[in-house]
Amino acid sequence: MNATRERPEIRFLTSGDVTAHERAAAERAVREALTAAHHVTSVQVTLSVVNDSSLPRPALAQAVAEIDGRRVRAQAAARRIDEAIDMLRERLAVRATSLQAG
């Protein structure tokens, strides 16, 4: 997904206290993770924050992308949503790269 290829719209589902800034950060992270991927036809990102201090990782970031007709899924849970987004970017990039290599 670079300037020479079509970039599909990223659909978002959010729950809990997720800001517009965090949503934008997730969009940048997912686009960066999929930079080398060819034929990305759809992307859905879920961001969720549960307001429960007893949970060790109340923030969840998940992405499902269709690349070359195959679904690739990555997710990460963390104490804060920005941490979950960073981990999601790394995991999605690894999965997308391994799909392209295979």
N, C-alpha and C. Protein backbone atom coordinates (compact mmCIF):
# COMPACT_ATOMS: atom_id res chain seq x y z
N MET A 1 0.84 -1.17 0.00
CA MET A 1 0.00 0.00 0.00
C MET A 1 0.89 1.23 0.00
N ASN A 2 1.29 1.69 -1.15
CA ASN A 2 2.01 2.93 -1.24
C ASN A 2 1.31 3.84 -2.23
N ALA A 3 1.96 4.95 -2.59
CA ALA A 3 1.31 5.95 -3.43
C ALA A 3 0.96 5.40 -4.82
N THR A 4 1.66 4.36 -5.27
CA THR A 4 1.39 3.83 -6.60
C THR A 4 0.31 2.76 -6.59
N ARG A 5 -0.13 2.31 -5.44
CA ARG A 5 -1.16 1.28 -5.35
C ARG A 5 -2.40 1.83 -4.66
N GLU A 6 -3.52 1.22 -4.98
CA GLU A 6 -4.78 1.59 -4.34
C GLU A 6 -4.72 1.29 -2.85
N ARG A 7 -5.17 2.23 -2.07
CA ARG A 7 -5.18 2.04 -0.61
C ARG A 7 -6.63 1.95 -0.16
N PRO A 8 -7.06 0.78 0.29
CA PRO A 8 -8.47 0.66 0.69
C PRO A 8 -8.75 1.47 1.96
N GLU A 9 -9.99 1.84 2.07
CA GLU A 9 -10.44 2.53 3.28
C GLU A 9 -10.31 1.56 4.46
N ILE A 10 -9.89 2.07 5.59
CA ILE A 10 -9.81 1.23 6.79
C ILE A 10 -11.10 1.46 7.58
N ARG A 11 -11.82 0.38 7.81
CA ARG A 11 -13.05 0.45 8.61
C ARG A 11 -12.67 0.27 10.08
N PHE A 12 -13.30 1.04 10.95
CA PHE A 12 -13.00 0.99 12.37
C PHE A 12 -14.20 0.58 13.20
N LEU A 13 -13.94 -0.21 14.21
CA LEU A 13 -14.89 -0.47 15.28
C LEU A 13 -14.17 -0.06 16.56
N THR A 14 -14.82 0.71 17.38
CA THR A 14 -14.20 1.13 18.64
C THR A 14 -15.18 0.91 19.78
N SER A 15 -14.62 0.66 20.95
CA SER A 15 -15.44 0.59 22.15
C SER A 15 -14.61 1.10 23.32
N GLY A 16 -15.30 1.68 24.25
CA GLY A 16 -14.61 2.25 25.40
C GLY A 16 -14.05 3.62 25.07
N ASP A 17 -13.09 4.05 25.86
CA ASP A 17 -12.52 5.40 25.75
C ASP A 17 -11.39 5.42 24.72
N VAL A 18 -11.77 5.52 23.44
CA VAL A 18 -10.80 5.58 22.34
C VAL A 18 -10.95 6.96 21.69
N THR A 19 -9.85 7.71 21.66
CA THR A 19 -9.89 9.07 21.13
C THR A 19 -9.67 9.08 19.61
N ALA A 20 -9.99 10.20 18.99
CA ALA A 20 -9.73 10.38 17.56
C ALA A 20 -8.23 10.31 17.28
N HIS A 21 -7.42 10.81 18.19
CA HIS A 21 -5.96 10.74 18.04
C HIS A 21 -5.49 9.29 18.02
N GLU A 22 -6.03 8.46 18.90
CA GLU A 22 -5.65 7.05 18.96
C GLU A 22 -6.12 6.31 17.70
N ARG A 23 -7.28 6.66 17.23
CA ARG A 23 -7.79 6.06 15.99
C ARG A 23 -6.87 6.42 14.82
N ALA A 24 -6.47 7.68 14.74
CA ALA A 24 -5.55 8.12 13.68
C ALA A 24 -4.21 7.42 13.80
N ALA A 25 -3.73 7.24 15.03
CA ALA A 25 -2.46 6.53 15.23
C ALA A 25 -2.57 5.08 14.76
N ALA A 26 -3.71 4.47 15.00
CA ALA A 26 -3.92 3.09 14.55
C ALA A 26 -3.97 3.03 13.03
N GLU A 27 -4.59 4.00 12.41
CA GLU A 27 -4.63 4.01 10.95
C GLU A 27 -3.23 4.14 10.37
N ARG A 28 -2.42 5.03 10.92
CA ARG A 28 -1.03 5.18 10.45
C ARG A 28 -0.25 3.89 10.66
N ALA A 29 -0.42 3.26 11.82
CA ALA A 29 0.30 2.04 12.14
C ALA A 29 -0.06 0.91 11.17
N VAL A 30 -1.33 0.76 10.88
CA VAL A 30 -1.78 -0.32 9.98
C VAL A 30 -1.29 -0.05 8.56
N ARG A 31 -1.40 1.18 8.11
CA ARG A 31 -0.90 1.51 6.76
C ARG A 31 0.60 1.25 6.67
N GLU A 32 1.34 1.60 7.71
CA GLU A 32 2.78 1.34 7.73
C GLU A 32 3.06 -0.16 7.70
N ALA A 33 2.33 -0.92 8.47
CA ALA A 33 2.53 -2.37 8.53
C ALA A 33 2.26 -3.04 7.19
N LEU A 34 1.35 -2.46 6.40
CA LEU A 34 0.97 -3.05 5.13
C LEU A 34 1.65 -2.40 3.92
N THR A 35 2.66 -1.59 4.16
CA THR A 35 3.35 -0.88 3.09
C THR A 35 3.82 -1.80 1.97
N ALA A 36 4.39 -2.93 2.33
CA ALA A 36 4.96 -3.84 1.32
C ALA A 36 3.94 -4.83 0.77
N ALA A 37 2.75 -4.84 1.32
CA ALA A 37 1.74 -5.82 0.89
C ALA A 37 1.13 -5.44 -0.45
N HIS A 38 0.91 -6.45 -1.29
CA HIS A 38 0.29 -6.25 -2.60
C HIS A 38 -1.16 -6.69 -2.54
N HIS A 39 -2.01 -6.01 -3.28
CA HIS A 39 -3.41 -6.40 -3.43
C HIS A 39 -4.16 -6.45 -2.09
N VAL A 40 -4.04 -5.39 -1.31
CA VAL A 40 -4.82 -5.28 -0.07
C VAL A 40 -6.19 -4.77 -0.47
N THR A 41 -7.22 -5.59 -0.26
CA THR A 41 -8.56 -5.20 -0.71
C THR A 41 -9.47 -4.69 0.40
N SER A 42 -9.18 -5.07 1.65
CA SER A 42 -9.98 -4.54 2.76
C SER A 42 -9.19 -4.62 4.06
N VAL A 43 -9.53 -3.70 4.96
CA VAL A 43 -8.88 -3.67 6.27
C VAL A 43 -9.93 -3.24 7.29
N GLN A 44 -10.00 -3.98 8.38
CA GLN A 44 -10.86 -3.58 9.49
C GLN A 44 -10.02 -3.57 10.76
N VAL A 45 -10.15 -2.50 11.53
CA VAL A 45 -9.40 -2.34 12.77
C VAL A 45 -10.39 -2.20 13.92
N THR A 46 -10.13 -2.92 14.99
CA THR A 46 -10.93 -2.82 16.20
C THR A 46 -10.04 -2.30 17.32
N LEU A 47 -10.49 -1.24 17.98
CA LEU A 47 -9.79 -0.69 19.14
C LEU A 47 -10.76 -0.71 20.31
N SER A 48 -10.30 -1.26 21.41
CA SER A 48 -11.19 -1.40 22.57
C SER A 48 -10.42 -1.11 23.85
N VAL A 49 -11.03 -0.33 24.72
CA VAL A 49 -10.45 -0.06 26.03
C VAL A 49 -11.54 -0.33 27.07
N VAL A 50 -11.22 -1.24 27.98
CA VAL A 50 -12.15 -1.58 29.06
C VAL A 50 -11.72 -0.81 30.30
N ASN A 51 -12.63 -0.09 30.89
CA ASN A 51 -12.32 0.71 32.07
C ASN A 51 -12.44 -0.17 33.32
N ASP A 52 -11.43 -1.01 33.52
CA ASP A 52 -11.42 -1.93 34.67
C ASP A 52 -9.97 -2.07 35.14
N SER A 53 -9.65 -1.44 36.25
CA SER A 53 -8.28 -1.42 36.75
C SER A 53 -7.79 -2.79 37.21
N SER A 54 -8.68 -3.76 37.34
CA SER A 54 -8.24 -5.09 37.76
C SER A 54 -7.68 -5.91 36.59
N LEU A 55 -7.92 -5.45 35.37
CA LEU A 55 -7.41 -6.16 34.19
C LEU A 55 -5.96 -5.80 33.94
N PRO A 56 -5.11 -6.79 33.67
CA PRO A 56 -3.70 -6.48 33.42
C PRO A 56 -3.46 -5.81 32.07
N ARG A 57 -4.31 -6.09 31.08
CA ARG A 57 -4.16 -5.51 29.73
C ARG A 57 -5.55 -5.13 29.20
N PRO A 58 -6.06 -3.99 29.63
CA PRO A 58 -7.43 -3.62 29.25
C PRO A 58 -7.58 -3.01 27.86
N ALA A 59 -6.46 -2.78 27.16
CA ALA A 59 -6.52 -2.16 25.83
C ALA A 59 -6.23 -3.21 24.77
N LEU A 60 -7.06 -3.25 23.73
CA LEU A 60 -6.92 -4.22 22.66
C LEU A 60 -6.94 -3.51 21.31
N ALA A 61 -5.98 -3.88 20.46
CA ALA A 61 -5.95 -3.40 19.07
C ALA A 61 -5.90 -4.63 18.18
N GLN A 62 -6.78 -4.68 17.20
CA GLN A 62 -6.87 -5.83 16.31
C GLN A 62 -7.06 -5.34 14.88
N ALA A 63 -6.45 -6.04 13.94
CA ALA A 63 -6.63 -5.72 12.52
C ALA A 63 -6.85 -7.00 11.74
N VAL A 64 -7.76 -6.93 10.79
CA VAL A 64 -8.00 -8.02 9.85
C VAL A 64 -7.90 -7.41 8.46
N ALA A 65 -6.96 -7.92 7.67
CA ALA A 65 -6.76 -7.40 6.31
C ALA A 65 -6.91 -8.54 5.31
N GLU A 66 -7.48 -8.22 4.17
CA GLU A 66 -7.52 -9.19 3.08
C GLU A 66 -6.41 -8.82 2.11
N ILE A 67 -5.46 -9.74 1.97
CA ILE A 67 -4.28 -9.53 1.12
C ILE A 67 -4.22 -10.69 0.14
N ASP A 68 -4.22 -10.36 -1.15
CA ASP A 68 -4.18 -11.40 -2.18
C ASP A 68 -5.26 -12.46 -1.97
N GLY A 69 -6.43 -12.03 -1.52
CA GLY A 69 -7.54 -12.95 -1.32
C GLY A 69 -7.47 -13.76 -0.04
N ARG A 70 -6.49 -13.52 0.79
CA ARG A 70 -6.37 -14.25 2.07
C ARG A 70 -6.51 -13.29 3.24
N ARG A 71 -7.16 -13.77 4.28
CA ARG A 71 -7.35 -12.94 5.48
C ARG A 71 -6.14 -13.07 6.39
N VAL A 72 -5.65 -11.93 6.82
CA VAL A 72 -4.52 -11.87 7.75
C VAL A 72 -5.02 -11.14 8.98
N ARG A 73 -4.79 -11.74 10.14
CA ARG A 73 -5.29 -11.17 11.40
C ARG A 73 -4.15 -11.00 12.37
N ALA A 74 -4.14 -9.88 13.07
CA ALA A 74 -3.16 -9.64 14.13
C ALA A 74 -3.86 -8.88 15.24
N GLN A 75 -3.42 -9.13 16.45
CA GLN A 75 -3.98 -8.38 17.57
C GLN A 75 -2.95 -8.27 18.68
N ALA A 76 -3.19 -7.30 19.56
CA ALA A 76 -2.30 -7.10 20.70
C ALA A 76 -3.11 -6.49 21.83
N ALA A 77 -2.81 -6.92 23.04
CA ALA A 77 -3.42 -6.36 24.24
C ALA A 77 -2.31 -5.78 25.09
N ALA A 78 -2.62 -4.66 25.74
CA ALA A 78 -1.61 -3.98 26.55
C ALA A 78 -2.29 -3.17 27.65
N ARG A 79 -1.46 -2.55 28.48
CA ARG A 79 -2.00 -1.70 29.55
C ARG A 79 -2.62 -0.43 28.99
N ARG A 80 -2.01 0.09 27.89
CA ARG A 80 -2.52 1.32 27.27
C ARG A 80 -2.75 1.06 25.78
N ILE A 81 -3.68 1.80 25.19
CA ILE A 81 -4.03 1.58 23.79
C ILE A 81 -2.87 1.92 22.87
N ASP A 82 -2.06 2.93 23.21
CA ASP A 82 -0.93 3.26 22.33
C ASP A 82 0.09 2.12 22.29
N GLU A 83 0.28 1.43 23.41
CA GLU A 83 1.17 0.27 23.44
C GLU A 83 0.60 -0.86 22.57
N ALA A 84 -0.70 -1.08 22.68
CA ALA A 84 -1.35 -2.13 21.89
C ALA A 84 -1.24 -1.83 20.39
N ILE A 85 -1.38 -0.56 20.02
CA ILE A 85 -1.26 -0.17 18.62
C ILE A 85 0.15 -0.42 18.10
N ASP A 86 1.15 -0.08 18.90
CA ASP A 86 2.55 -0.32 18.50
C ASP A 86 2.81 -1.81 18.28
N MET A 87 2.33 -2.64 19.19
CA MET A 87 2.52 -4.09 19.05
C MET A 87 1.75 -4.62 17.84
N LEU A 88 0.56 -4.07 17.62
CA LEU A 88 -0.24 -4.48 16.46
C LEU A 88 0.52 -4.20 15.17
N ARG A 89 1.12 -3.03 15.06
CA ARG A 89 1.87 -2.67 13.85
C ARG A 89 2.96 -3.71 13.58
N GLU A 90 3.71 -4.07 14.59
CA GLU A 90 4.79 -5.05 14.44
C GLU A 90 4.25 -6.42 14.02
N ARG A 91 3.22 -6.87 14.67
CA ARG A 91 2.66 -8.20 14.39
C ARG A 91 2.02 -8.28 13.01
N LEU A 92 1.30 -7.23 12.63
CA LEU A 92 0.67 -7.22 11.32
C LEU A 92 1.73 -7.18 10.21
N ALA A 93 2.78 -6.42 10.42
CA ALA A 93 3.85 -6.34 9.41
C ALA A 93 4.51 -7.71 9.22
N VAL A 94 4.74 -8.42 10.31
CA VAL A 94 5.35 -9.76 10.22
C VAL A 94 4.42 -10.70 9.45
N ARG A 95 3.15 -10.69 9.77
CA ARG A 95 2.21 -11.59 9.10
C ARG A 95 2.06 -11.25 7.62
N ALA A 96 1.99 -9.97 7.30
CA ALA A 96 1.84 -9.55 5.91
C ALA A 96 3.10 -9.90 5.12
N THR A 97 4.26 -9.71 5.72
CA THR A 97 5.52 -10.03 5.05
C THR A 97 5.65 -11.52 4.82
N SER A 98 5.30 -12.32 5.82
CA SER A 98 5.41 -13.78 5.65
C SER A 98 4.42 -14.28 4.62
N LEU A 99 3.26 -13.66 4.50
CA LEU A 99 2.29 -14.05 3.49
C LEU A 99 2.84 -13.75 2.09
N GLN A 100 3.45 -12.61 1.93
CA GLN A 100 4.02 -12.22 0.64
C GLN A 100 5.19 -13.11 0.26
N ALA A 101 5.94 -13.58 1.25
CA ALA A 101 7.11 -14.43 0.98
C ALA A 101 6.70 -15.85 0.62
N GLY A 102 5.54 -16.26 1.12
CA GLY A 102 5.09 -17.64 0.94
C GLY A 102 4.34 -17.88 -0.27
